[in-house]
Amino acid sequence: MIDYKRSNIKLWSRLGSCGAFGVAANELAQTSDKVLMITSDLCFYSGLNRFKSKYSDRLYNCGIAEQNMVGVAAGLAKEGFVPFATTYATFAAARCADQVRVNMGYMKLNMKLVGLTAGVSVGILGPTHISIEDIAIIRSIPNIIILSPADCTETVKATIAAAQIDAPVYLRLSGPMNNPVVYTQDYEFEIGKAIELKDGDDVSIIATGTMVYNSLKAAQILDQKYSIKSKVIDMHTIKPLDTQIIDQSCKNKLLVTVEEHSKIGGLGSAVAEYLSEKSVRPPQLIIGFCDEYKHAASYDYLIKQYELEPEQIAEKIALKYKNMKG
């Protein structure tokens, strides 16, 4: 039984999202003999070294053959197992798109695809490994749940929830090691149910993944520097969206989405598509990666280059809000 005490939460943060996934994998192995782990030569980077040592007969390394890995996971799912297939997010979404579409989207097999180091988590490896479009690709495929946890505590929660639901799931893991903590204690996590972390009646900020923490920091800056009160929401489930909380957020004067993903096809697009059916809605500001591949660099450097630091987020929101008011 996982203990969500402070010392564990701090440890998971130091390990990063992949390490936290490994913690959850070990827990799942203890509670169900149906859970299997599959990797494409990324056992260490999947956080599965301990799993491999303890449950070597339940971990399959398919080598650098990601498309085949998805096929193997599909076959195991057909036999009644609950396989988690892990690889870099950009390979999971783009390289394996056809296999994901057929086995997860069309056949609705109970398999879980884990996109490691999404966004610019491994930006030092360059655009081949930077994942700015994975949500857009997988969101366009029917029948796949998309989870994007805010921190390592939520990564543990999301992994366990993914195993418990009989449906295909894409689990998007982002952020570096020493991942900032959003959730400092145990809480209720439900797929499809977003979480309001801060109240405010001027701006509604709907964020996902690592940008939940940055949005909370941006909200502090907006309050202190610009006297703008912001509601902050953790939209940990991109698909299906929590439309009820979006409707509630529309009571504010400006709706903002923030994500470590392209502004095209991600959370911002999903919210805009939903709101397009509404006759009355507030202006929307989509904050995310610009439509460009940046050169290889560290995580912190690329976040700044893509203008996703808290101060940069706050400045964008304040400018939009000011222009609205004339």
Protein backbone atom coordinates (compact mmCIF):
# COMPACT_ATOMS: atom_id res chain seq x y z
CA MET A 1 0.00 0.00 0.00
CA ILE A 2 1.55 3.30 -1.08
CA ASP A 3 2.00 5.80 1.74
CA TYR A 4 1.54 9.41 0.58
CA LYS A 5 3.62 10.86 3.40
CA ARG A 6 5.86 13.89 2.96
CA SER A 7 9.12 11.93 2.89
CA ASN A 8 7.85 9.74 0.05
CA ILE A 9 6.49 12.68 -1.89
CA LYS A 10 9.87 14.43 -1.62
CA LEU A 11 11.63 11.26 -2.76
CA TRP A 12 9.33 10.88 -5.77
CA SER A 13 9.99 14.50 -6.67
CA ARG A 14 13.74 13.90 -6.67
CA LEU A 15 13.31 10.78 -8.82
CA GLY A 16 11.23 12.65 -11.43
CA SER A 17 8.10 11.44 -13.16
CA CYS A 18 9.73 8.31 -14.62
CA GLY A 19 11.04 7.28 -11.21
CA ALA A 20 7.61 7.89 -9.68
CA PHE A 21 6.09 5.72 -12.39
CA GLY A 22 8.48 2.96 -11.34
CA VAL A 23 7.29 3.29 -7.74
CA ALA A 24 3.68 2.86 -8.87
CA ALA A 25 4.66 -0.09 -11.10
CA ASN A 26 6.06 -1.94 -8.09
CA GLU A 27 2.86 -1.29 -6.15
CA LEU A 28 0.73 -2.58 -9.02
CA ALA A 29 2.82 -5.74 -9.29
CA GLN A 30 2.11 -6.49 -5.63
CA THR A 31 -1.64 -6.06 -6.01
CA SER A 32 -2.21 -7.79 -9.36
CA ASP A 33 -0.42 -10.59 -11.18
CA LYS A 34 -1.94 -9.37 -14.46
CA VAL A 35 0.14 -6.17 -14.62
CA LEU A 36 3.14 -6.40 -16.95
CA MET A 37 5.78 -3.86 -17.97
CA ILE A 38 7.20 -3.61 -21.49
CA THR A 39 9.97 -1.33 -22.67
CA SER A 40 11.87 -0.52 -25.82
CA ASP A 41 15.38 -0.70 -24.33
CA LEU A 42 14.53 2.01 -21.77
CA CYS A 43 14.29 0.04 -18.53
CA PHE A 44 16.34 2.59 -16.54
CA TYR A 45 14.68 5.65 -18.06
CA SER A 46 11.26 4.06 -17.45
CA GLY A 47 12.08 3.86 -13.74
CA LEU A 48 11.77 0.07 -13.91
CA ASN A 49 15.13 -1.13 -12.58
CA ARG A 50 13.65 -2.16 -9.23
CA PHE A 51 10.70 -3.77 -11.00
CA LYS A 52 13.14 -5.73 -13.17
CA SER A 53 15.05 -6.97 -10.12
CA LYS A 54 11.95 -8.07 -8.24
CA TYR A 55 9.64 -9.14 -11.09
CA SER A 56 12.01 -10.11 -13.89
CA ASP A 57 9.46 -12.54 -15.35
CA ARG A 58 6.95 -9.72 -15.78
CA LEU A 59 9.13 -7.25 -17.66
CA TYR A 60 9.71 -7.57 -21.42
CA ASN A 61 12.38 -5.61 -23.28
CA CYS A 62 11.51 -5.42 -26.97
CA GLY A 63 14.68 -3.52 -27.84
CA ILE A 64 14.69 -0.41 -30.01
CA ALA A 65 11.56 -1.53 -31.84
CA GLU A 66 8.77 0.66 -30.54
CA GLN A 67 6.13 -0.35 -33.09
CA ASN A 68 6.72 -4.01 -32.29
CA MET A 69 6.50 -3.18 -28.57
CA VAL A 70 2.97 -1.81 -29.03
CA GLY A 71 2.05 -4.97 -30.94
CA VAL A 72 3.43 -7.15 -28.14
CA ALA A 73 1.44 -5.14 -25.59
CA ALA A 74 -1.69 -5.60 -27.70
CA GLY A 75 -1.21 -9.37 -27.81
CA LEU A 76 -0.74 -9.53 -24.05
CA ALA A 77 -3.85 -7.39 -23.53
CA LYS A 78 -5.82 -9.82 -25.70
CA GLU A 79 -4.73 -12.60 -23.34
CA GLY A 80 -6.15 -10.77 -20.32
CA PHE A 81 -3.02 -9.04 -19.02
CA VAL A 82 -2.71 -5.32 -18.25
CA PRO A 83 0.46 -4.26 -20.08
CA PHE A 84 2.22 -0.90 -19.69
CA ALA A 85 4.35 -0.14 -22.77
CA THR A 86 7.00 2.52 -22.14
CA THR A 87 9.08 4.65 -24.48
CA TYR A 88 9.90 8.28 -25.18
CA ALA A 89 6.68 10.25 -25.74
CA THR A 90 7.64 11.31 -29.24
CA PHE A 91 8.20 7.67 -30.27
CA ALA A 92 5.03 6.50 -28.51
CA ALA A 93 2.86 8.99 -30.37
CA ALA A 94 4.54 9.55 -33.73
CA ARG A 95 6.58 6.45 -34.52
CA CYS A 96 3.85 4.11 -33.24
CA ALA A 97 0.85 6.08 -34.51
CA ASP A 98 -0.52 3.31 -36.73
CA GLN A 99 -0.15 0.60 -34.09
CA VAL A 100 -1.70 2.87 -31.46
CA ARG A 101 -4.58 3.73 -33.79
CA VAL A 102 -5.40 0.09 -34.60
CA ASN A 103 -4.76 -1.64 -31.27
CA MET A 104 -5.80 1.06 -28.83
CA GLY A 105 -8.18 3.26 -30.80
CA TYR A 106 -9.95 0.78 -33.05
CA MET A 107 -9.69 -2.44 -31.04
CA LYS A 108 -10.00 -0.69 -27.64
CA LEU A 109 -7.57 -3.10 -26.03
CA ASN A 110 -6.90 -2.68 -22.33
CA MET A 111 -3.31 -1.54 -22.74
CA LYS A 112 -1.46 1.45 -21.34
CA LEU A 113 1.04 3.46 -23.37
CA VAL A 114 3.49 5.50 -21.30
CA GLY A 115 5.06 8.52 -22.98
CA LEU A 116 8.29 9.17 -21.08
CA THR A 117 10.02 12.56 -20.87
CA ALA A 118 7.29 14.42 -22.75
CA GLY A 119 7.70 18.06 -23.68
CA VAL A 120 11.30 19.20 -23.35
CA SER A 121 12.28 16.92 -20.45
CA VAL A 122 15.17 15.50 -22.51
CA GLY A 123 15.73 18.63 -24.55
CA ILE A 124 19.46 18.04 -24.50
CA LEU A 125 18.83 15.20 -27.01
CA GLY A 126 17.30 17.62 -29.50
CA PRO A 127 14.13 17.75 -31.62
CA THR A 128 14.14 13.99 -32.32
CA HIS A 129 13.35 13.42 -28.63
CA ILE A 130 11.55 16.66 -27.78
CA SER A 131 7.82 15.91 -27.79
CA ILE A 132 5.69 18.91 -28.62
CA GLU A 133 2.91 17.15 -30.56
CA ASP A 134 2.11 13.86 -28.80
CA ILE A 135 -1.18 15.00 -27.24
CA ALA A 136 -2.37 16.33 -30.61
CA ILE A 137 -1.64 13.02 -32.32
CA ILE A 138 -3.18 10.72 -29.74
CA ARG A 139 -6.12 13.03 -28.96
CA SER A 140 -7.25 12.68 -32.57
CA ILE A 141 -7.55 8.90 -32.20
CA PRO A 142 -10.90 7.73 -30.79
CA ASN A 143 -11.34 5.81 -27.53
CA ILE A 144 -8.01 6.61 -25.84
CA ILE A 145 -7.90 8.24 -22.40
CA ILE A 146 -5.08 10.79 -22.04
CA LEU A 147 -3.62 11.47 -18.59
CA SER A 148 -1.11 14.26 -17.96
CA PRO A 149 -0.15 14.37 -14.25
CA ALA A 150 0.98 17.63 -12.66
CA ASP A 151 3.75 16.24 -10.47
CA CYS A 152 5.23 12.98 -9.22
CA THR A 153 2.55 12.43 -6.60
CA GLU A 154 -0.06 12.65 -9.32
CA THR A 155 2.05 10.41 -11.54
CA VAL A 156 1.72 7.66 -8.94
CA LYS A 157 -2.02 8.31 -8.67
CA ALA A 158 -2.51 8.39 -12.45
CA THR A 159 -0.54 5.17 -13.02
CA ILE A 160 -2.64 3.27 -10.50
CA ALA A 161 -5.86 4.73 -11.92
CA ALA A 162 -4.79 3.75 -15.45
CA ALA A 163 -4.29 0.15 -14.34
CA GLN A 164 -7.69 0.02 -12.69
CA ILE A 165 -9.73 1.21 -15.67
CA ASP A 166 -10.57 -1.26 -18.43
CA ALA A 167 -9.69 1.01 -21.36
CA PRO A 168 -6.72 2.09 -23.47
CA VAL A 169 -4.77 4.87 -21.75
CA TYR A 170 -1.96 7.19 -22.80
CA LEU A 171 0.00 8.33 -19.74
CA ARG A 172 2.09 11.43 -20.49
CA LEU A 173 5.03 11.93 -18.14
CA SER A 174 6.78 15.29 -18.20
CA GLY A 175 9.24 17.33 -16.20
CA PRO A 176 12.87 16.82 -15.13
CA MET A 177 14.27 15.17 -12.03
CA ASN A 178 13.66 17.22 -8.90
CA ASN A 179 10.19 17.81 -10.28
CA PRO A 180 8.41 20.65 -8.36
CA VAL A 181 5.75 19.42 -5.94
CA VAL A 182 2.11 20.42 -6.43
CA TYR A 183 0.46 17.87 -4.13
CA THR A 184 2.06 17.65 -0.67
CA GLN A 185 -0.35 15.07 0.76
CA ASP A 186 -2.82 12.38 -0.22
CA TYR A 187 -5.90 13.45 -2.20
CA GLU A 188 -8.64 12.00 -4.36
CA PHE A 189 -7.74 11.41 -8.02
CA GLU A 190 -10.44 10.55 -10.51
CA ILE A 191 -9.99 10.14 -14.26
CA GLY A 192 -11.96 12.86 -16.04
CA LYS A 193 -12.38 15.02 -12.93
CA ALA A 194 -10.15 18.11 -12.86
CA ILE A 195 -8.99 19.68 -9.59
CA GLU A 196 -9.33 23.34 -8.61
CA LEU A 197 -6.16 24.31 -6.72
CA LYS A 198 -6.76 28.04 -6.28
CA ASP A 199 -9.80 30.29 -6.49
CA GLY A 200 -9.99 33.69 -8.20
CA ASP A 201 -12.66 35.66 -10.02
CA ASP A 202 -10.73 37.54 -12.72
CA VAL A 203 -8.92 34.89 -14.75
CA SER A 204 -9.33 31.11 -14.99
CA ILE A 205 -6.07 29.27 -15.69
CA ILE A 206 -6.51 25.66 -16.82
CA ALA A 207 -3.14 23.91 -16.85
CA THR A 208 -1.81 20.41 -17.32
CA GLY A 209 1.42 18.53 -16.61
CA THR A 210 4.40 20.54 -15.39
CA MET A 211 2.62 23.78 -16.21
CA VAL A 212 0.27 23.33 -13.25
CA TYR A 213 3.10 24.30 -10.90
CA ASN A 214 4.23 27.15 -13.15
CA SER A 215 0.64 28.38 -13.38
CA LEU A 216 0.30 28.43 -9.60
CA LYS A 217 3.46 30.53 -9.42
CA ALA A 218 2.18 32.75 -12.25
CA ALA A 219 -1.07 33.26 -10.32
CA GLN A 220 0.93 34.54 -7.34
CA ILE A 221 2.74 37.01 -9.59
CA LEU A 222 -0.54 38.14 -11.17
CA ASP A 223 -1.96 38.81 -7.71
CA GLN A 224 1.06 40.60 -6.28
CA LYS A 225 2.23 42.55 -9.33
CA TYR A 226 -0.95 43.15 -11.34
CA SER A 227 -3.76 42.76 -8.74
CA ILE A 228 -5.35 40.08 -10.94
CA LYS A 229 -7.08 37.25 -9.10
CA SER A 230 -6.68 33.86 -10.82
CA LYS A 231 -8.40 30.52 -10.47
CA VAL A 232 -5.96 27.66 -11.18
CA ILE A 233 -7.16 24.22 -12.31
CA ASP A 234 -5.21 21.00 -12.77
CA MET A 235 -6.67 19.38 -15.91
CA HIS A 236 -4.86 16.09 -15.44
CA THR A 237 -7.18 14.33 -17.89
CA ILE A 238 -6.97 15.77 -21.40
CA LYS A 239 -9.42 13.23 -22.78
CA PRO A 240 -12.16 13.03 -21.67
CA LEU A 241 -12.22 16.69 -20.62
CA ASP A 242 -13.94 17.81 -17.45
CA THR A 243 -16.41 20.08 -19.25
CA GLN A 244 -18.26 20.91 -16.04
CA ILE A 245 -15.25 22.69 -14.57
CA ILE A 246 -14.69 24.46 -17.89
CA ASP A 247 -18.27 25.77 -17.75
CA GLN A 248 -17.64 27.03 -14.21
CA SER A 249 -14.39 28.65 -15.33
CA CYS A 250 -16.22 30.59 -18.03
CA LYS A 251 -17.75 32.80 -15.32
CA ASN A 252 -14.43 34.65 -15.15
CA LYS A 253 -13.44 37.39 -17.58
CA LEU A 254 -10.60 35.50 -19.29
CA LEU A 255 -9.94 31.79 -19.82
CA VAL A 256 -6.29 30.69 -20.16
CA THR A 257 -4.83 27.28 -20.94
CA VAL A 258 -1.18 26.47 -20.23
CA GLU A 259 0.68 23.35 -21.36
CA GLU A 260 4.16 21.99 -22.10
CA HIS A 261 2.99 21.08 -25.59
CA SER A 262 2.36 22.81 -28.89
CA LYS A 263 -0.43 25.39 -28.86
CA ILE A 264 -1.80 23.39 -31.80
CA GLY A 265 -3.86 20.33 -30.95
CA GLY A 266 -3.26 20.09 -27.22
CA LEU A 267 -5.19 21.14 -24.12
CA GLY A 268 -5.84 24.63 -25.47
CA SER A 269 -7.30 23.24 -28.67
CA ALA A 270 -9.43 20.73 -26.76
CA VAL A 271 -10.92 23.49 -24.59
CA ALA A 272 -11.44 25.78 -27.62
CA GLU A 273 -13.23 22.99 -29.50
CA TYR A 274 -15.59 22.48 -26.58
CA LEU A 275 -16.24 26.20 -26.18
CA SER A 276 -16.88 26.66 -29.91
CA GLU A 277 -20.30 25.12 -29.33
CA LYS A 278 -21.19 27.73 -26.69
CA SER A 279 -23.04 30.91 -27.67
CA VAL A 280 -21.54 32.88 -24.78
CA ARG A 281 -17.96 32.36 -23.68
CA PRO A 282 -15.04 34.47 -22.43
CA PRO A 283 -11.97 35.26 -24.55
CA GLN A 284 -9.41 32.45 -24.48
CA LEU A 285 -5.62 32.68 -24.35
CA ILE A 286 -3.68 29.53 -25.32
CA ILE A 287 -0.17 29.37 -23.85
CA GLY A 288 2.16 26.60 -24.96
CA PHE A 289 5.00 25.87 -27.35
CA CYS A 290 5.21 28.02 -30.45
CA ASP A 291 5.04 26.18 -33.79
CA GLU A 292 8.78 25.57 -33.92
CA TYR A 293 11.41 22.98 -33.01
CA LYS A 294 14.07 24.56 -30.81
CA HIS A 295 17.71 23.47 -30.81
CA ALA A 296 18.96 20.98 -28.24
CA ALA A 297 19.38 22.50 -24.79
CA SER A 298 18.67 21.93 -21.11
CA TYR A 299 15.12 21.71 -19.77
CA ASP A 300 15.22 25.05 -17.94
CA TYR A 301 16.73 26.83 -20.94
CA LEU A 302 14.08 25.49 -23.33
CA ILE A 303 11.21 26.33 -20.98
CA LYS A 304 12.50 29.91 -21.01
CA GLN A 305 12.96 29.87 -24.79
CA TYR A 306 9.37 28.71 -25.20
CA GLU A 307 8.28 31.45 -22.74
CA LEU A 308 6.75 29.10 -20.20
CA GLU A 309 8.44 30.32 -17.02
CA PRO A 310 5.98 31.61 -14.37
CA GLU A 311 7.00 35.24 -14.93
CA GLN A 312 6.54 34.87 -18.70
CA ILE A 313 3.16 33.20 -18.26
CA ALA A 314 2.01 35.95 -15.88
CA GLU A 315 3.16 38.67 -18.28
CA LYS A 316 1.23 37.13 -21.20
CA ILE A 317 -1.93 36.87 -19.11
CA ALA A 318 -1.61 40.38 -17.70
CA LEU A 319 -1.15 41.87 -21.18
CA LYS A 320 -4.18 40.03 -22.56
CA TYR A 321 -6.27 41.02 -19.56
CA LYS A 322 -5.21 44.67 -19.84
CA ASN A 323 -6.00 44.79 -23.58
CA MET A 324 -9.43 43.32 -22.91
CA LYS A 325 -10.24 46.07 -20.47
CA GLY A 326 -9.06 48.66 -22.98
